[in-house]
Amino acid sequence: MRALNFYSSIYQANLVVRSKRCTIRLGDKRQKYSEGDIVMVTYGDRFKPRKRIFNAVIDRVIVKTIGELTQEDLLAENPDMKTPKDALDFLKRIYEVPMDENTLVTVIYFSEVMD
């Protein structure tokens, strides 16, 4: 089973209350994640223990540029994001690499699998 891991403390609260319904990842991740995959949604820093929050099914995997992100994408990623520029600034802080509105990202929508 694959994992969708989240590092930032911003994500933990949104994941725990289930307000986060997608993740925006740098680059084309279609080879790694497919619609229908079951994943563990985890939280924790790289190379350290991680906590499983819940299992999820991947509903949609969409590749687009940062400039093409929709309101639906932004709100599902983080309720504080209002524009693609907000997403760009946020992703620059997370990934620490140069990027612009033409940079490809993968939007992965997921839903919790209830026990």
Protein backbone atom coordinates (compact mmCIF):
# COMPACT_ATOMS: atom_id res chain seq x y z
CA MET A 1 0.00 0.00 0.00
CA ARG A 2 1.30 3.45 -0.90
CA ALA A 3 1.23 6.44 1.41
CA LEU A 4 0.28 10.06 0.92
CA ASN A 5 2.50 11.69 3.52
CA PHE A 6 2.18 15.29 4.64
CA TYR A 7 5.03 17.15 6.35
CA SER A 8 3.75 20.60 7.14
CA SER A 9 2.02 21.29 10.45
CA ILE A 10 -0.61 23.14 8.39
CA TYR A 11 -1.75 19.82 6.98
CA GLN A 12 -2.12 17.93 10.25
CA ALA A 13 -5.09 19.93 11.55
CA ASN A 14 -6.87 19.86 8.17
CA LEU A 15 -6.36 16.10 7.88
CA VAL A 16 -7.54 15.35 11.40
CA VAL A 17 -10.81 17.26 10.88
CA ARG A 18 -11.10 15.80 7.34
CA SER A 19 -11.29 19.20 5.60
CA LYS A 20 -8.39 18.31 3.28
CA ARG A 21 -9.71 16.40 0.27
CA CYS A 22 -6.81 16.66 -2.16
CA THR A 23 -3.11 17.22 -2.42
CA ILE A 24 -1.18 19.16 -5.03
CA ARG A 25 2.16 17.53 -5.79
CA LEU A 26 4.99 18.92 -7.92
CA GLY A 27 5.36 17.21 -11.30
CA ASP A 28 3.45 14.43 -13.03
CA LYS A 29 2.65 11.70 -10.47
CA ARG A 30 0.34 9.56 -12.64
CA GLN A 31 2.91 6.75 -12.67
CA LYS A 32 2.83 6.66 -8.86
CA TYR A 33 -0.87 7.28 -8.05
CA SER A 34 -3.94 6.06 -9.95
CA GLU A 35 -7.67 6.46 -9.50
CA GLY A 36 -8.98 3.66 -7.29
CA ASP A 37 -5.69 3.14 -5.40
CA ILE A 38 -6.00 2.69 -1.65
CA VAL A 39 -3.41 4.75 0.25
CA MET A 40 -2.50 5.44 3.85
CA VAL A 41 -2.75 9.14 4.67
CA THR A 42 0.10 9.85 7.06
CA TYR A 43 1.69 12.80 8.79
CA GLY A 44 5.33 13.21 9.79
CA ASP A 45 8.72 14.53 8.84
CA ARG A 46 10.96 12.79 6.37
CA PHE A 47 13.18 10.04 7.86
CA LYS A 48 11.20 10.10 11.13
CA PRO A 49 8.28 8.05 12.44
CA ARG A 50 4.96 8.93 10.85
CA LYS A 51 1.44 8.68 12.13
CA ARG A 52 -1.31 7.06 10.06
CA ILE A 53 -4.39 9.25 10.15
CA PHE A 54 -6.71 7.22 7.91
CA ASN A 55 -6.85 5.11 4.79
CA ALA A 56 -8.21 6.70 1.64
CA VAL A 57 -9.16 5.87 -1.92
CA ILE A 58 -7.83 8.05 -4.72
CA ASP A 59 -10.81 9.47 -6.60
CA ARG A 60 -9.11 11.60 -9.27
CA VAL A 61 -5.59 12.25 -10.53
CA ILE A 62 -5.27 15.33 -12.73
CA VAL A 63 -2.11 16.87 -14.21
CA LYS A 64 -2.23 20.61 -14.94
CA THR A 65 -0.16 23.74 -14.50
CA ILE A 66 -0.29 25.79 -11.33
CA GLY A 67 -2.00 28.55 -13.30
CA GLU A 68 -4.79 26.14 -14.29
CA LEU A 69 -5.71 25.24 -10.70
CA THR A 70 -9.42 25.79 -10.03
CA GLN A 71 -11.21 27.12 -6.96
CA GLU A 72 -12.29 23.53 -6.26
CA ASP A 73 -8.64 22.37 -6.33
CA LEU A 74 -7.48 25.20 -4.10
CA LEU A 75 -10.21 24.82 -1.47
CA ALA A 76 -9.78 21.03 -1.33
CA GLU A 77 -6.01 21.48 -0.82
CA ASN A 78 -6.17 24.25 1.77
CA PRO A 79 -9.17 26.44 2.66
CA ASP A 80 -6.83 29.43 2.97
CA MET A 81 -5.78 29.25 -0.71
CA LYS A 82 -7.80 31.61 -2.88
CA THR A 83 -5.78 31.98 -6.10
CA PRO A 84 -3.23 29.99 -8.13
CA LYS A 85 -0.65 32.58 -6.94
CA ASP A 86 -1.38 31.50 -3.34
CA ALA A 87 -0.75 27.90 -4.38
CA LEU A 88 2.45 28.89 -6.17
CA ASP A 89 3.80 30.71 -3.10
CA PHE A 90 2.84 27.79 -0.85
CA LEU A 91 4.40 25.15 -3.11
CA LYS A 92 7.63 27.17 -3.37
CA ARG A 93 7.91 27.07 0.43
CA ILE A 94 7.21 23.33 0.59
CA TYR A 95 9.43 22.17 -2.30
CA GLU A 96 12.10 24.90 -2.15
CA VAL A 97 12.67 24.85 -5.92
CA PRO A 98 12.07 27.52 -8.57
CA MET A 99 8.65 27.32 -10.22
CA ASP A 100 6.07 29.52 -11.88
CA GLU A 101 2.44 29.36 -13.03
CA ASN A 102 3.48 27.09 -15.95
CA THR A 103 4.97 24.44 -13.67
CA LEU A 104 3.22 21.07 -13.89
CA VAL A 105 1.55 19.70 -10.77
CA THR A 106 -0.60 16.68 -10.03
CA VAL A 107 -3.87 17.23 -8.19
CA ILE A 108 -4.83 14.08 -6.28
CA TYR A 109 -8.35 13.95 -4.85
CA PHE A 110 -8.96 11.38 -2.14
CA SER A 111 -11.78 10.18 0.14
CA GLU A 112 -11.50 8.49 3.51
CA VAL A 113 -12.21 4.76 3.61
CA MET A 114 -14.45 4.17 6.62
CA ASP A 115 -13.96 1.03 8.72
